[in-house]
């Protein structure tokens, strides 16, 4: 793995292409802490960008008439179905029955989740 830069952060190349396999425990605890810090920083930046995108979208929807076109954006109206509580309960029961009958496969995934964000 490439060494951290002068700020102690890992480079994008080091994050994207780690030289060692973490599963082999070849990574030191410090390397894993650096990866975790890089993940937290990226997750926080992504969250801030998402909030800004949502705010801009909501303001655009409120101000622009349906059918408006801008650079890279079109304001559209969509019709969607929203299930009522009875339908949701029926779907939940159907899913549970399918799982119980062995008609569904459990797929396990390993994920990393950003914890401790103050604005949550």
C-alpha atoms as a PDB file:
ATOM      1  CA  UNK A   1       0.000   0.000   0.000  1.00  0.00           C
ATOM      2  CA  UNK A   2       1.250   3.477  -0.785  1.00  0.00           C
ATOM      3  CA  UNK A   3       2.196   5.559   2.239  1.00  0.00           C
ATOM      4  CA  UNK A   4      -0.072   8.348   3.467  1.00  0.00           C
ATOM      5  CA  UNK A   5       0.575  11.875   2.176  1.00  0.00           C
ATOM      6  CA  UNK A   6       1.845  14.718   4.362  1.00  0.00           C
ATOM      7  CA  UNK A   7      -1.628  15.122   5.924  1.00  0.00           C
ATOM      8  CA  UNK A   8      -1.713  11.452   6.894  1.00  0.00           C
ATOM      9  CA  UNK A   9      -4.358  10.662   4.272  1.00  0.00           C
ATOM     10  CA  UNK A  10      -4.125   7.807   1.836  1.00  0.00           C
ATOM     11  CA  UNK A  11      -3.975   8.634  -1.856  1.00  0.00           C
ATOM     12  CA  UNK A  12      -6.915   7.710  -4.085  1.00  0.00           C
ATOM     13  CA  UNK A  13      -4.708   5.126  -5.795  1.00  0.00           C
ATOM     14  CA  UNK A  14      -3.847   3.508  -2.472  1.00  0.00           C
ATOM     15  CA  UNK A  15      -7.514   3.327  -1.527  1.00  0.00           C
ATOM     16  CA  UNK A  16      -8.651   1.994  -4.903  1.00  0.00           C
ATOM     17  CA  UNK A  17      -5.819  -0.504  -5.339  1.00  0.00           C
ATOM     18  CA  UNK A  18      -4.540  -1.744  -1.985  1.00  0.00           C
ATOM     19  CA  UNK A  19      -1.483  -3.920  -2.462  1.00  0.00           C
ATOM     20  CA  UNK A  20      -2.344  -6.247   0.402  1.00  0.00           C
ATOM     21  CA  UNK A  21      -5.464  -8.301   0.980  1.00  0.00           C
ATOM     22  CA  UNK A  22      -7.171  -7.193   4.187  1.00  0.00           C
ATOM     23  CA  UNK A  23      -8.532 -10.716   4.700  1.00  0.00           C
ATOM     24  CA  UNK A  24      -4.982 -12.005   5.219  1.00  0.00           C
ATOM     25  CA  UNK A  25      -4.509  -9.573   8.133  1.00  0.00           C
ATOM     26  CA  UNK A  26      -1.434  -8.297   6.311  1.00  0.00           C
ATOM     27  CA  UNK A  27      -2.697  -4.754   6.822  1.00  0.00           C
ATOM     28  CA  UNK A  28      -1.560  -3.168  10.040  1.00  0.00           C
ATOM     29  CA  UNK A  29      -4.101  -1.660  12.387  1.00  0.00           C
ATOM     30  CA  UNK A  30      -2.746   1.781  11.441  1.00  0.00           C
ATOM     31  CA  UNK A  31      -3.357   1.075   7.734  1.00  0.00           C
ATOM     32  CA  UNK A  32      -6.913   0.004   8.515  1.00  0.00           C
ATOM     33  CA  UNK A  33      -7.447   3.124  10.627  1.00  0.00           C
ATOM     34  CA  UNK A  34      -6.198   5.241   7.697  1.00  0.00           C
ATOM     35  CA  UNK A  35      -8.605   3.447   5.358  1.00  0.00           C
ATOM     36  CA  UNK A  36     -11.444   3.994   7.813  1.00  0.00           C
ATOM     37  CA  UNK A  37     -10.606   7.728   8.074  1.00  0.00           C
ATOM     38  CA  UNK A  38     -10.502   7.997   4.279  1.00  0.00           C
ATOM     39  CA  UNK A  39     -13.881   6.239   4.093  1.00  0.00           C
ATOM     40  CA  UNK A  40     -15.384   8.568   6.717  1.00  0.00           C
ATOM     41  CA  UNK A  41     -14.133  11.666   4.892  1.00  0.00           C
ATOM     42  CA  UNK A  42     -15.496  10.435   1.563  1.00  0.00           C
ATOM     43  CA  UNK A  43     -18.817   9.411   3.124  1.00  0.00           C
ATOM     44  CA  UNK A  44     -19.189  12.827   4.765  1.00  0.00           C
ATOM     45  CA  UNK A  45     -18.394  14.631   1.495  1.00  0.00           C
ATOM     46  CA  UNK A  46     -20.856  12.417  -0.359  1.00  0.00           C
ATOM     47  CA  UNK A  47     -23.538  13.113   2.262  1.00  0.00           C
ATOM     48  CA  UNK A  48     -23.002  16.886   2.019  1.00  0.00           C
ATOM     49  CA  UNK A  49     -23.189  16.721  -1.779  1.00  0.00           C
ATOM     50  CA  UNK A  50     -26.370  14.653  -1.587  1.00  0.00           C
ATOM     51  CA  UNK A  51     -28.010  17.176   0.746  1.00  0.00           C
ATOM     52  CA  UNK A  52     -27.045  20.031  -1.594  1.00  0.00           C
ATOM     53  CA  UNK A  53     -28.413  18.094  -4.592  1.00  0.00           C
ATOM     54  CA  UNK A  54     -31.706  17.390  -2.826  1.00  0.00           C
ATOM     55  CA  UNK A  55     -32.113  21.031  -1.764  1.00  0.00           C
ATOM     56  CA  UNK A  56     -31.392  22.292  -5.294  1.00  0.00           C
ATOM     57  CA  UNK A  57     -33.797  19.733  -6.789  1.00  0.00           C
ATOM     58  CA  UNK A  58     -36.576  20.640  -4.361  1.00  0.00           C
ATOM     59  CA  UNK A  59     -36.171  24.369  -5.028  1.00  0.00           C
ATOM     60  CA  UNK A  60     -36.178  23.744  -8.775  1.00  0.00           C
ATOM     61  CA  UNK A  61     -39.347  21.637  -8.541  1.00  0.00           C
ATOM     62  CA  UNK A  62     -41.072  24.375  -6.537  1.00  0.00           C
ATOM     63  CA  UNK A  63     -40.062  27.181  -8.886  1.00  0.00           C
ATOM     64  CA  UNK A  64     -40.013  25.694 -12.390  1.00  0.00           C
ATOM     65  CA  UNK A  65     -43.150  24.659 -14.267  1.00  0.00           C
ATOM     66  CA  UNK A  66     -43.572  21.050 -15.405  1.00  0.00           C
ATOM     67  CA  UNK A  67     -41.966  20.602 -18.821  1.00  0.00           C
ATOM     68  CA  UNK A  68     -39.155  23.094 -18.204  1.00  0.00           C
ATOM     69  CA  UNK A  69     -35.777  22.180 -19.657  1.00  0.00           C
ATOM     70  CA  UNK A  70     -32.412  23.442 -18.483  1.00  0.00           C
ATOM     71  CA  UNK A  71     -28.838  22.348 -19.066  1.00  0.00           C
ATOM     72  CA  UNK A  72     -28.873  18.695 -18.023  1.00  0.00           C
ATOM     73  CA  UNK A  73     -32.232  18.948 -16.215  1.00  0.00           C
ATOM     74  CA  UNK A  74     -35.857  18.512 -17.213  1.00  0.00           C
ATOM     75  CA  UNK A  75     -38.768  19.030 -14.818  1.00  0.00           C
ATOM     76  CA  UNK A  76     -41.253  16.198 -15.246  1.00  0.00           C
ATOM     77  CA  UNK A  77     -44.426  15.021 -13.586  1.00  0.00           C
ATOM     78  CA  UNK A  78     -44.669  11.333 -12.788  1.00  0.00           C
ATOM     79  CA  UNK A  79     -47.564   9.319 -11.493  1.00  0.00           C
ATOM     80  CA  UNK A  80     -46.718   6.535  -9.056  1.00  0.00           C
ATOM     81  CA  UNK A  81     -48.717   3.978  -7.123  1.00  0.00           C
ATOM     82  CA  UNK A  82     -48.466   4.049  -3.356  1.00  0.00           C
ATOM     83  CA  UNK A  83     -49.636   0.893  -1.638  1.00  0.00           C
ATOM     84  CA  UNK A  84     -52.017   1.247   1.269  1.00  0.00           C
ATOM     85  CA  UNK A  85     -51.380  -0.424   4.630  1.00  0.00           C
ATOM     86  CA  UNK A  86     -53.475  -3.487   3.713  1.00  0.00           C
ATOM     87  CA  UNK A  87     -51.460  -4.088   0.539  1.00  0.00           C
ATOM     88  CA  UNK A  88     -48.153  -3.651   2.391  1.00  0.00           C
ATOM     89  CA  UNK A  89     -49.279  -6.211   4.996  1.00  0.00           C
ATOM     90  CA  UNK A  90     -50.259  -8.623   2.218  1.00  0.00           C
ATOM     91  CA  UNK A  91     -46.887  -8.213   0.506  1.00  0.00           C
ATOM     92  CA  UNK A  92     -45.063  -8.742   3.794  1.00  0.00           C
ATOM     93  CA  UNK A  93     -47.033 -11.929   4.482  1.00  0.00           C
ATOM     94  CA  UNK A  94     -46.409 -13.181   0.944  1.00  0.00           C
ATOM     95  CA  UNK A  95     -42.668 -12.514   1.247  1.00  0.00           C
ATOM     96  CA  UNK A  96     -42.544 -14.315   4.616  1.00  0.00           C
ATOM     97  CA  UNK A  97     -44.405 -17.307   3.149  1.00  0.00           C
ATOM     98  CA  UNK A  98     -42.054 -17.474   0.153  1.00  0.00           C
ATOM     99  CA  UNK A  99     -39.038 -17.402   2.459  1.00  0.00           C
ATOM    100  CA  UNK A 100     -40.557 -20.084   4.672  1.00  0.00           C
ATOM    101  CA  UNK A 101     -41.289 -22.273   1.612  1.00  0.00           C
ATOM    102  CA  UNK A 102     -37.640 -22.043   0.557  1.00  0.00           C
ATOM    103  CA  UNK A 103     -38.401 -19.960  -2.511  1.00  0.00           C
ATOM    104  CA  UNK A 104     -35.982 -17.196  -1.582  1.00  0.00           C
ATOM    105  CA  UNK A 105     -32.228 -17.251  -1.146  1.00  0.00           C
ATOM    106  CA  UNK A 106     -30.456 -15.388   1.638  1.00  0.00           C
ATOM    107  CA  UNK A 107     -27.650 -13.319   0.161  1.00  0.00           C
ATOM    108  CA  UNK A 108     -25.122 -12.071   2.696  1.00  0.00           C
ATOM    109  CA  UNK A 109     -23.012  -9.014   1.979  1.00  0.00           C
ATOM    110  CA  UNK A 110     -20.296  -7.283   3.946  1.00  0.00           C
ATOM    111  CA  UNK A 111     -20.613  -3.511   4.123  1.00  0.00           C
ATOM    112  CA  UNK A 112     -19.003  -0.579   5.890  1.00  0.00           C
ATOM    113  CA  UNK A 113     -21.398   1.975   7.350  1.00  0.00           C
ATOM    114  CA  UNK A 114     -20.638   5.553   8.351  1.00  0.00           C
ATOM    115  CA  UNK A 115     -21.426   5.913  12.056  1.00  0.00           C
ATOM    116  CA  UNK A 116     -21.448   8.892  14.377  1.00  0.00           C
ATOM    117  CA  UNK A 117     -22.446  11.635  11.935  1.00  0.00           C
ATOM    118  CA  UNK A 118     -23.636  14.522  14.064  1.00  0.00           C
ATOM    119  CA  UNK A 119     -26.450  15.723  11.803  1.00  0.00           C
ATOM    120  CA  UNK A 120     -28.318  12.403  11.833  1.00  0.00           C
END
